[in-house]
Amino acid sequence: MTDRLVMSAMAEDLAVVGGRASAPVPGFAGDFGTSGEEAVRLGGDWDLGNAIHLTADLGVRHFNYGGSGLNDSLYEPPSVTLVVRSEVGVALGF
């Protein structure tokens, strides 16, 4: 953006292939198949001078599992996860 402010952006589109859950005690094991995962992140680094930088990041990640089929009347239900993460920091260079 400027000589002292650097911005970054990232986007991902991934897949979990062959996901599986198992629990040995009840004898359960189930396959999830293939499910999607998406992520975006924005970041910034501001040079305040004299080797001091302020940094900030904001990211969002989403993924889901389709659930498994019945196995001895047990199954893993479908689930969705949304993770929002923010970071603010001060960096010193020497």
PDB file of N, CA and C in Angstrom:
ATOM      1  N   MET A   1       0.822  -1.176   0.000  1.00  0.00           N
ATOM      2  CA  MET A   1       0.000   0.000   0.000  1.00  0.00           C
ATOM      3  C   MET A   1       0.877   1.254   0.000  1.00  0.00           C
ATOM      4  N   THR A   2       1.876   1.298   0.928  1.00  0.00           N
ATOM      5  CA  THR A   2       2.837   2.392   0.969  1.00  0.00           C
ATOM      6  C   THR A   2       4.200   1.793   1.273  1.00  0.00           C
ATOM      7  N   ASP A   3       5.232   2.651   1.374  1.00  0.00           N
ATOM      8  CA  ASP A   3       6.562   2.153   1.740  1.00  0.00           C
ATOM      9  C   ASP A   3       6.589   1.599   3.160  1.00  0.00           C
ATOM     10  N   ARG A   4       5.682   2.042   4.011  1.00  0.00           N
ATOM     11  CA  ARG A   4       5.696   1.624   5.417  1.00  0.00           C
ATOM     12  C   ARG A   4       4.557   0.694   5.798  1.00  0.00           C
ATOM     13  N   LEU A   5       3.606   0.467   4.894  1.00  0.00           N
ATOM     14  CA  LEU A   5       2.464  -0.404   5.179  1.00  0.00           C
ATOM     15  C   LEU A   5       2.362  -1.478   4.103  1.00  0.00           C
ATOM     16  N   VAL A   6       2.495  -2.731   4.536  1.00  0.00           N
ATOM     17  CA  VAL A   6       2.399  -3.880   3.636  1.00  0.00           C
ATOM     18  C   VAL A   6       1.144  -4.667   4.008  1.00  0.00           C
ATOM     19  N   MET A   7       0.298  -4.915   3.028  1.00  0.00           N
ATOM     20  CA  MET A   7      -0.920  -5.696   3.240  1.00  0.00           C
ATOM     21  C   MET A   7      -0.781  -7.020   2.494  1.00  0.00           C
ATOM     22  N   SER A   8      -1.424  -8.064   3.024  1.00  0.00           N
ATOM     23  CA  SER A   8      -1.402  -9.371   2.370  1.00  0.00           C
ATOM     24  C   SER A   8      -2.801  -9.978   2.401  1.00  0.00           C
ATOM     25  N   ALA A   9      -3.062 -10.855   1.455  1.00  0.00           N
ATOM     26  CA  ALA A   9      -4.335 -11.567   1.384  1.00  0.00           C
ATOM     27  C   ALA A   9      -4.065 -12.986   0.898  1.00  0.00           C
ATOM     28  N   MET A  10      -4.853 -13.933   1.391  1.00  0.00           N
ATOM     29  CA  MET A  10      -4.682 -15.332   1.041  1.00  0.00           C
ATOM     30  C   MET A  10      -6.058 -15.974   0.970  1.00  0.00           C
ATOM     31  N   ALA A  11      -6.261 -16.856   0.013  1.00  0.00           N
ATOM     32  CA  ALA A  11      -7.492 -17.629  -0.085  1.00  0.00           C
ATOM     33  C   ALA A  11      -7.132 -19.079  -0.417  1.00  0.00           C
ATOM     34  N   GLU A  12      -7.812 -20.030   0.217  1.00  0.00           N
ATOM     35  CA  GLU A  12      -7.573 -21.454  -0.014  1.00  0.00           C
ATOM     36  C   GLU A  12      -8.896 -22.159  -0.259  1.00  0.00           C
ATOM     37  N   ASP A  13      -8.874 -23.160  -1.090  1.00  0.00           N
ATOM     38  CA  ASP A  13     -10.004 -24.040  -1.287  1.00  0.00           C
ATOM     39  C   ASP A  13      -9.435 -25.450  -1.312  1.00  0.00           C
ATOM     40  N   LEU A  14      -9.671 -26.196  -0.252  1.00  0.00           N
ATOM     41  CA  LEU A  14      -9.055 -27.510  -0.071  1.00  0.00           C
ATOM     42  C   LEU A  14     -10.127 -28.583   0.085  1.00  0.00           C
ATOM     43  N   ALA A  15      -9.704 -29.836   0.197  1.00  0.00           N
ATOM     44  CA  ALA A  15     -10.621 -30.945   0.441  1.00  0.00           C
ATOM     45  C   ALA A  15      -9.972 -31.932   1.386  1.00  0.00           C
ATOM     46  N   VAL A  16     -10.776 -32.499   2.264  1.00  0.00           N
ATOM     47  CA  VAL A  16     -10.353 -33.606   3.110  1.00  0.00           C
ATOM     48  C   VAL A  16     -10.816 -34.875   2.397  1.00  0.00           C
ATOM     49  N   VAL A  17      -9.867 -35.725   2.060  1.00  0.00           N
ATOM     50  CA  VAL A  17     -10.164 -36.934   1.299  1.00  0.00           C
ATOM     51  C   VAL A  17      -9.945 -38.136   2.207  1.00  0.00           C
ATOM     52  N   GLY A  18     -10.915 -39.009   2.276  1.00  0.00           N
ATOM     53  CA  GLY A  18     -10.770 -40.238   3.062  1.00  0.00           C
ATOM     54  C   GLY A  18     -10.878 -40.011   4.559  1.00  0.00           C
ATOM     55  N   GLY A  19     -11.653 -39.009   4.990  1.00  0.00           N
ATOM     56  CA  GLY A  19     -11.838 -38.781   6.425  1.00  0.00           C
ATOM     57  C   GLY A  19     -12.514 -39.973   7.090  1.00  0.00           C
ATOM     58  N   ARG A  20     -12.137 -40.248   8.332  1.00  0.00           N
ATOM     59  CA  ARG A  20     -12.647 -41.430   9.024  1.00  0.00           C
ATOM     60  C   ARG A  20     -12.646 -41.174  10.521  1.00  0.00           C
ATOM     61  N   ALA A  21     -13.619 -41.714  11.223  1.00  0.00           N
ATOM     62  CA  ALA A  21     -13.662 -41.663  12.687  1.00  0.00           C
ATOM     63  C   ALA A  21     -13.805 -43.090  13.203  1.00  0.00           C
ATOM     64  N   SER A  22     -13.166 -43.342  14.334  1.00  0.00           N
ATOM     65  CA  SER A  22     -13.317 -44.664  14.950  1.00  0.00           C
ATOM     66  C   SER A  22     -13.206 -44.532  16.457  1.00  0.00           C
ATOM     67  N   ALA A  23     -13.927 -45.379  17.155  1.00  0.00           N
ATOM     68  CA  ALA A  23     -13.881 -45.453  18.615  1.00  0.00           C
ATOM     69  C   ALA A  23     -13.833 -46.927  18.982  1.00  0.00           C
ATOM     70  N   PRO A  24     -12.714 -47.382  19.557  1.00  0.00           N
ATOM     71  CA  PRO A  24     -12.554 -48.818  19.790  1.00  0.00           C
ATOM     72  C   PRO A  24     -13.499 -49.391  20.844  1.00  0.00           C
ATOM     73  N   VAL A  25     -13.944 -48.610  21.822  1.00  0.00           N
ATOM     74  CA  VAL A  25     -14.753 -49.170  22.907  1.00  0.00           C
ATOM     75  C   VAL A  25     -16.104 -49.684  22.398  1.00  0.00           C
ATOM     76  N   PRO A  26     -16.916 -48.849  21.692  1.00  0.00           N
ATOM     77  CA  PRO A  26     -18.165 -49.431  21.184  1.00  0.00           C
ATOM     78  C   PRO A  26     -17.998 -50.156  19.856  1.00  0.00           C
ATOM     79  N   GLY A  27     -16.786 -50.205  19.318  1.00  0.00           N
ATOM     80  CA  GLY A  27     -16.539 -50.875  18.049  1.00  0.00           C
ATOM     81  C   GLY A  27     -17.055 -50.103  16.854  1.00  0.00           C
ATOM     82  N   PHE A  28     -17.006 -48.789  16.923  1.00  0.00           N
ATOM     83  CA  PHE A  28     -17.518 -47.946  15.848  1.00  0.00           C
ATOM     84  C   PHE A  28     -16.391 -47.518  14.930  1.00  0.00           C
ATOM     85  N   ALA A  29     -16.671 -47.507  13.643  1.00  0.00           N
ATOM     86  CA  ALA A  29     -15.763 -46.938  12.651  1.00  0.00           C
ATOM     87  C   ALA A  29     -16.625 -46.463  11.490  1.00  0.00           C
ATOM     88  N   GLY A  30     -16.384 -45.232  11.042  1.00  0.00           N
ATOM     89  CA  GLY A  30     -17.190 -44.705   9.948  1.00  0.00           C
ATOM     90  C   GLY A  30     -16.374 -43.823   9.031  1.00  0.00           C
ATOM     91  N   ASP A  31     -16.677 -43.878   7.745  1.00  0.00           N
ATOM     92  CA  ASP A  31     -15.996 -43.062   6.742  1.00  0.00           C
ATOM     93  C   ASP A  31     -16.806 -41.805   6.455  1.00  0.00           C
ATOM     94  N   PHE A  32     -16.119 -40.667   6.291  1.00  0.00           N
ATOM     95  CA  PHE A  32     -16.773 -39.409   5.964  1.00  0.00           C
ATOM     96  C   PHE A  32     -16.764 -39.119   4.478  1.00  0.00           C
ATOM     97  N   GLY A  33     -15.936 -39.800   3.734  1.00  0.00           N
ATOM     98  CA  GLY A  33     -15.812 -39.488   2.317  1.00  0.00           C
ATOM     99  C   GLY A  33     -14.988 -38.222   2.118  1.00  0.00           C
ATOM    100  N   THR A  34     -15.341 -37.422   1.107  1.00  0.00           N
ATOM    101  CA  THR A  34     -14.624 -36.194   0.788  1.00  0.00           C
ATOM    102  C   THR A  34     -15.454 -35.000   1.216  1.00  0.00           C
ATOM    103  N   SER A  35     -14.814 -34.020   1.861  1.00  0.00           N
ATOM    104  CA  SER A  35     -15.513 -32.806   2.294  1.00  0.00           C
ATOM    105  C   SER A  35     -14.633 -31.595   2.012  1.00  0.00           C
ATOM    106  N   GLY A  36     -15.271 -30.439   1.882  1.00  0.00           N
ATOM    107  CA  GLY A  36     -14.563 -29.224   1.513  1.00  0.00           C
ATOM    108  C   GLY A  36     -14.048 -28.434   2.699  1.00  0.00           C
ATOM    109  N   GLU A  37     -13.056 -27.601   2.429  1.00  0.00           N
ATOM    110  CA  GLU A  37     -12.489 -26.690   3.422  1.00  0.00           C
ATOM    111  C   GLU A  37     -12.084 -25.412   2.692  1.00  0.00           C
ATOM    112  N   GLU A  38     -12.529 -24.273   3.222  1.00  0.00           N
ATOM    113  CA  GLU A  38     -12.207 -22.980   2.615  1.00  0.00           C
ATOM    114  C   GLU A  38     -11.605 -22.079   3.683  1.00  0.00           C
ATOM    115  N   ALA A  39     -10.700 -21.181   3.269  1.00  0.00           N
ATOM    116  CA  ALA A  39     -10.082 -20.247   4.208  1.00  0.00           C
ATOM    117  C   ALA A  39      -9.732 -18.952   3.482  1.00  0.00           C
ATOM    118  N   VAL A  40      -9.847 -17.840   4.206  1.00  0.00           N
ATOM    119  CA  VAL A  40      -9.381 -16.536   3.727  1.00  0.00           C
ATOM    120  C   VAL A  40      -8.658 -15.848   4.874  1.00  0.00           C
ATOM    121  N   ARG A  41      -7.638 -15.048   4.531  1.00  0.00           N
ATOM    122  CA  ARG A  41      -6.867 -14.336   5.555  1.00  0.00           C
ATOM    123  C   ARG A  41      -6.428 -12.992   5.004  1.00  0.00           C
ATOM    124  N   LEU A  42      -6.504 -11.975   5.840  1.00  0.00           N
ATOM    125  CA  LEU A  42      -5.991 -10.638   5.527  1.00  0.00           C
ATOM    126  C   LEU A  42      -4.969 -10.270   6.584  1.00  0.00           C
ATOM    127  N   GLY A  43      -3.869  -9.638   6.169  1.00  0.00           N
ATOM    128  CA  GLY A  43      -2.829  -9.261   7.115  1.00  0.00           C
ATOM    129  C   GLY A  43      -2.239  -7.911   6.783  1.00  0.00           C
ATOM    130  N   GLY A  44      -1.642  -7.312   7.792  1.00  0.00           N
ATOM    131  CA  GLY A  44      -0.989  -6.032   7.600  1.00  0.00           C
ATOM    132  C   GLY A  44       0.249  -5.904   8.473  1.00  0.00           C
ATOM    133  N   ASP A  45       1.241  -5.177   7.982  1.00  0.00           N
ATOM    134  CA  ASP A  45       2.485  -4.905   8.705  1.00  0.00           C
ATOM    135  C   ASP A  45       2.806  -3.432   8.497  1.00  0.00           C
ATOM    136  N   TRP A  46       2.794  -2.673   9.582  1.00  0.00           N
ATOM    137  CA  TRP A  46       3.011  -1.230   9.526  1.00  0.00           C
ATOM    138  C   TRP A  46       4.339  -0.899  10.195  1.00  0.00           C
ATOM    139  N   ASP A  47       5.273  -0.356   9.435  1.00  0.00           N
ATOM    140  CA  ASP A  47       6.595   0.035   9.929  1.00  0.00           C
ATOM    141  C   ASP A  47       6.468   1.383  10.635  1.00  0.00           C
ATOM    142  N   LEU A  48       6.647   1.376  11.966  1.00  0.00           N
ATOM    143  CA  LEU A  48       6.554   2.612  12.742  1.00  0.00           C
ATOM    144  C   LEU A  48       7.879   3.349  12.808  1.00  0.00           C
ATOM    145  N   GLY A  49       8.928   2.756  12.284  1.00  0.00           N
ATOM    146  CA  GLY A  49      10.254   3.367  12.336  1.00  0.00           C
ATOM    147  C   GLY A  49      11.065   2.846  13.500  1.00  0.00           C
ATOM    148  N   ASN A  50      12.376   3.056  13.438  1.00  0.00           N
ATOM    149  CA  ASN A  50      13.284   2.588  14.487  1.00  0.00           C
ATOM    150  C   ASN A  50      13.110   1.103  14.784  1.00  0.00           C
ATOM    151  N   ALA A  51      12.899   0.304  13.750  1.00  0.00           N
ATOM    152  CA  ALA A  51      12.807  -1.157  13.837  1.00  0.00           C
ATOM    153  C   ALA A  51      11.592  -1.646  14.620  1.00  0.00           C
ATOM    154  N   ILE A  52      10.538  -0.872  14.729  1.00  0.00           N
ATOM    155  CA  ILE A  52       9.307  -1.298  15.397  1.00  0.00           C
ATOM    156  C   ILE A  52       8.200  -1.440  14.350  1.00  0.00           C
ATOM    157  N   HIS A  53       7.518  -2.571  14.373  1.00  0.00           N
ATOM    158  CA  HIS A  53       6.427  -2.848  13.450  1.00  0.00           C
ATOM    159  C   HIS A  53       5.177  -3.234  14.240  1.00  0.00           C
ATOM    160  N   LEU A  54       4.030  -2.796  13.792  1.00  0.00           N
ATOM    161  CA  LEU A  54       2.745  -3.281  14.270  1.00  0.00           C
ATOM    162  C   LEU A  54       2.225  -4.276  13.238  1.00  0.00           C
ATOM    163  N   THR A  55       1.737  -5.411  13.693  1.00  0.00           N
ATOM    164  CA  THR A  55       1.200  -6.407  12.772  1.00  0.00           C
ATOM    165  C   THR A  55      -0.231  -6.754  13.176  1.00  0.00           C
ATOM    166  N   ALA A  56      -1.039  -7.122  12.207  1.00  0.00           N
ATOM    167  CA  ALA A  56      -2.415  -7.545  12.459  1.00  0.00           C
ATOM    168  C   ALA A  56      -2.816  -8.555  11.396  1.00  0.00           C
ATOM    169  N   ASP A  57      -3.570  -9.573  11.806  1.00  0.00           N
ATOM    170  CA  ASP A  57      -4.076 -10.598  10.903  1.00  0.00           C
ATOM    171  C   ASP A  57      -5.510 -10.929  11.282  1.00  0.00           C
ATOM    172  N   LEU A  58      -6.337 -11.221  10.302  1.00  0.00           N
ATOM    173  CA  LEU A  58      -7.696 -11.686  10.511  1.00  0.00           C
ATOM    174  C   LEU A  58      -7.941 -12.803   9.517  1.00  0.00           C
ATOM    175  N   GLY A  59      -8.390 -13.946  10.013  1.00  0.00           N
ATOM    176  CA  GLY A  59      -8.625 -15.088   9.136  1.00  0.00           C
ATOM    177  C   GLY A  59      -9.897 -15.826   9.492  1.00  0.00           C
ATOM    178  N   VAL A  60     -10.498 -16.460   8.487  1.00  0.00           N
ATOM    179  CA  VAL A  60     -11.702 -17.269   8.671  1.00  0.00           C
ATOM    180  C   VAL A  60     -11.479 -18.594   7.935  1.00  0.00           C
ATOM    181  N   ARG A  61     -11.789 -19.702   8.606  1.00  0.00           N
ATOM    182  CA  ARG A  61     -11.676 -21.044   8.003  1.00  0.00           C
ATOM    183  C   ARG A  61     -12.987 -21.781   8.249  1.00  0.00           C
ATOM    184  N   HIS A  62     -13.491 -22.448   7.207  1.00  0.00           N
ATOM    185  CA  HIS A  62     -14.735 -23.202   7.291  1.00  0.00           C
ATOM    186  C   HIS A  62     -14.500 -24.612   6.754  1.00  0.00           C
ATOM    187  N   PHE A  63     -14.989 -25.609   7.484  1.00  0.00           N
ATOM    188  CA  PHE A  63     -14.946 -26.964   6.950  1.00  0.00           C
ATOM    189  C   PHE A  63     -16.101 -27.773   7.518  1.00  0.00           C
ATOM    190  N   ASN A  64     -16.424 -28.842   6.831  1.00  0.00           N
ATOM    191  CA  ASN A  64     -17.519 -29.690   7.270  1.00  0.00           C
ATOM    192  C   ASN A  64     -17.202 -31.149   6.986  1.00  0.00           C
ATOM    193  N   TYR A  65     -17.869 -32.028   7.725  1.00  0.00           N
ATOM    194  CA  TYR A  65     -17.810 -33.461   7.484  1.00  0.00           C
ATOM    195  C   TYR A  65     -19.225 -33.931   7.187  1.00  0.00           C
ATOM    196  N   GLY A  66     -19.371 -34.793   6.221  1.00  0.00           N
ATOM    197  CA  GLY A  66     -20.686 -35.221   5.788  1.00  0.00           C
ATOM    198  C   GLY A  66     -21.341 -36.250   6.682  1.00  0.00           C
ATOM    199  N   GLY A  67     -20.661 -36.704   7.725  1.00  0.00           N
ATOM    200  CA  GLY A  67     -21.229 -37.752   8.569  1.00  0.00           C
ATOM    201  C   GLY A  67     -20.939 -39.124   7.980  1.00  0.00           C
ATOM    202  N   SER A  68     -21.162 -40.149   8.774  1.00  0.00           N
ATOM    203  CA  SER A  68     -20.870 -41.511   8.341  1.00  0.00           C
ATOM    204  C   SER A  68     -22.165 -42.313   8.275  1.00  0.00           C
ATOM    205  N   GLY A  69     -22.082 -43.456   7.627  1.00  0.00           N
ATOM    206  CA  GLY A  69     -23.210 -44.371   7.590  1.00  0.00           C
ATOM    207  C   GLY A  69     -23.343 -45.124   8.905  1.00  0.00           C
ATOM    208  N   LEU A  70     -24.464 -45.785   9.085  1.00  0.00           N
ATOM    209  CA  LEU A  70     -24.694 -46.545  10.315  1.00  0.00           C
ATOM    210  C   LEU A  70     -23.727 -47.712  10.418  1.00  0.00           C
ATOM    211  N   ASN A  71     -23.268 -47.960  11.639  1.00  0.00           N
ATOM    212  CA  ASN A  71     -22.366 -49.070  11.937  1.00  0.00           C
ATOM    213  C   ASN A  71     -22.794 -49.576  13.309  1.00  0.00           C
ATOM    214  N   ASP A  72     -23.414 -50.743  13.378  1.00  0.00           N
ATOM    215  CA  ASP A  72     -23.946 -51.279  14.640  1.00  0.00           C
ATOM    216  C   ASP A  72     -24.856 -50.259  15.317  1.00  0.00           C
ATOM    217  N   SER A  73     -25.711 -49.622  14.548  1.00  0.00           N
ATOM    218  CA  SER A  73     -26.680 -48.597  14.989  1.00  0.00           C
ATOM    219  C   SER A  73     -26.005 -47.337  15.554  1.00  0.00           C
ATOM    220  N   LEU A  74     -24.718 -47.143  15.276  1.00  0.00           N
ATOM    221  CA  LEU A  74     -24.001 -45.925  15.651  1.00  0.00           C
ATOM    222  C   LEU A  74     -23.597 -45.185  14.381  1.00  0.00           C
ATOM    223  N   TYR A  75     -23.534 -43.857  14.456  1.00  0.00           N
ATOM    224  CA  TYR A  75     -23.050 -43.084  13.316  1.00  0.00           C
ATOM    225  C   TYR A  75     -22.486 -41.760  13.817  1.00  0.00           C
ATOM    226  N   GLU A  76     -21.649 -41.147  13.014  1.00  0.00           N
ATOM    227  CA  GLU A  76     -21.118 -39.812  13.289  1.00  0.00           C
ATOM    228  C   GLU A  76     -21.998 -38.834  12.527  1.00  0.00           C
ATOM    229  N   PRO A  77     -22.678 -37.908  13.210  1.00  0.00           N
ATOM    230  CA  PRO A  77     -23.559 -36.981  12.493  1.00  0.00           C
ATOM    231  C   PRO A  77     -22.755 -35.968  11.674  1.00  0.00           C
ATOM    232  N   PRO A  78     -23.377 -35.352  10.678  1.00  0.00           N
ATOM    233  CA  PRO A  78     -22.703 -34.286   9.928  1.00  0.00           C
ATOM    234  C   PRO A  78     -22.341 -33.128  10.855  1.00  0.00           C
ATOM    235  N   SER A  79     -21.244 -32.456  10.569  1.00  0.00           N
ATOM    236  CA  SER A  79     -20.835 -31.328  11.407  1.00  0.00           C
ATOM    237  C   SER A  79     -20.223 -30.237  10.546  1.00  0.00           C
ATOM    238  N   VAL A  80     -20.319 -29.010  11.043  1.00  0.00           N
ATOM    239  CA  VAL A  80     -19.767 -27.840  10.372  1.00  0.00           C
ATOM    240  C   VAL A  80     -18.944 -27.069  11.395  1.00  0.00           C
ATOM    241  N   THR A  81     -17.764 -26.613  11.007  1.00  0.00           N
ATOM    242  CA  THR A  81     -16.898 -25.840  11.893  1.00  0.00           C
ATOM    243  C   THR A  81     -16.525 -24.535  11.208  1.00  0.00           C
ATOM    244  N   LEU A  82     -16.626 -23.452  11.959  1.00  0.00           N
ATOM    245  CA  LEU A  82     -16.212 -22.132  11.487  1.00  0.00           C
ATOM    246  C   LEU A  82     -15.233 -21.568  12.512  1.00  0.00           C
ATOM    247  N   VAL A  83     -14.018 -21.285  12.080  1.00  0.00           N
ATOM    248  CA  VAL A  83     -12.977 -20.763  12.960  1.00  0.00           C
ATOM    249  C   VAL A  83     -12.647 -19.340  12.518  1.00  0.00           C
ATOM    250  N   VAL A  84     -12.765 -18.381  13.440  1.00  0.00           N
ATOM    251  CA  VAL A  84     -12.387 -16.993  13.180  1.00  0.00           C
ATOM    252  C   VAL A  84     -11.212 -16.683  14.091  1.00  0.00           C
ATOM    253  N   ARG A  85     -10.132 -16.168  13.518  1.00  0.00           N
ATOM    254  CA  ARG A  85      -8.917 -15.924  14.292  1.00  0.00           C
ATOM    255  C   ARG A  85      -8.391 -14.530  13.984  1.00  0.00           C
ATOM    256  N   SER A  86      -8.044 -13.801  15.027  1.00  0.00           N
ATOM    257  CA  SER A  86      -7.430 -12.475  14.836  1.00  0.00           C
ATOM    258  C   SER A  86      -6.182 -12.391  15.697  1.00  0.00           C
ATOM    259  N   GLU A  87      -5.200 -11.668  15.207  1.00  0.00           N
ATOM    260  CA  GLU A  87      -3.935 -11.478  15.922  1.00  0.00           C
ATOM    261  C   GLU A  87      -3.483 -10.047  15.755  1.00  0.00           C
ATOM    262  N   VAL A  88      -2.942  -9.487  16.825  1.00  0.00           N
ATOM    263  CA  VAL A  88      -2.335  -8.164  16.799  1.00  0.00           C
ATOM    264  C   VAL A  88      -0.993  -8.295  17.512  1.00  0.00           C
ATOM    265  N   GLY A  89       0.047  -7.697  16.953  1.00  0.00           N
ATOM    266  CA  GLY A  89       1.354  -7.851  17.582  1.00  0.00           C
ATOM    267  C   GLY A  89       2.273  -6.669  17.330  1.00  0.00           C
ATOM    268  N   VAL A  90       3.340  -6.652  18.109  1.00  0.00           N
ATOM    269  CA  VAL A  90       4.409  -5.670  17.959  1.00  0.00           C
ATOM    270  C   VAL A  90       5.692  -6.460  17.698  1.00  0.00           C
ATOM    271  N   ALA A  91       6.407  -6.080  16.644  1.00  0.00           N
ATOM    272  CA  ALA A  91       7.652  -6.745  16.296  1.00  0.00           C
ATOM    273  C   ALA A  91       8.797  -5.761  16.404  1.00  0.00           C
ATOM    274  N   LEU A  92       9.918  -6.239  16.946  1.00  0.00           N
ATOM    275  CA  LEU A  92      11.133  -5.414  17.095  1.00  0.00           C
ATOM    276  C   LEU A  92      12.232  -6.023  16.242  1.00  0.00           C
ATOM    277  N   GLY A  93      12.875  -5.202  15.447  1.00  0.00           N
ATOM    278  CA  GLY A  93      14.016  -5.667  14.654  1.00  0.00           C
ATOM    279  C   GLY A  93      15.307  -5.180  15.273  1.00  0.00           C
ATOM    280  N   PHE A  94      16.331  -5.998  15.250  1.00  0.00           N
ATOM    281  CA  PHE A  94      17.630  -5.589  15.805  1.00  0.00           C
ATOM    282  C   PHE A  94      18.754  -6.170  14.988  1.00  0.00           C
TER     283      PHE A  94
END
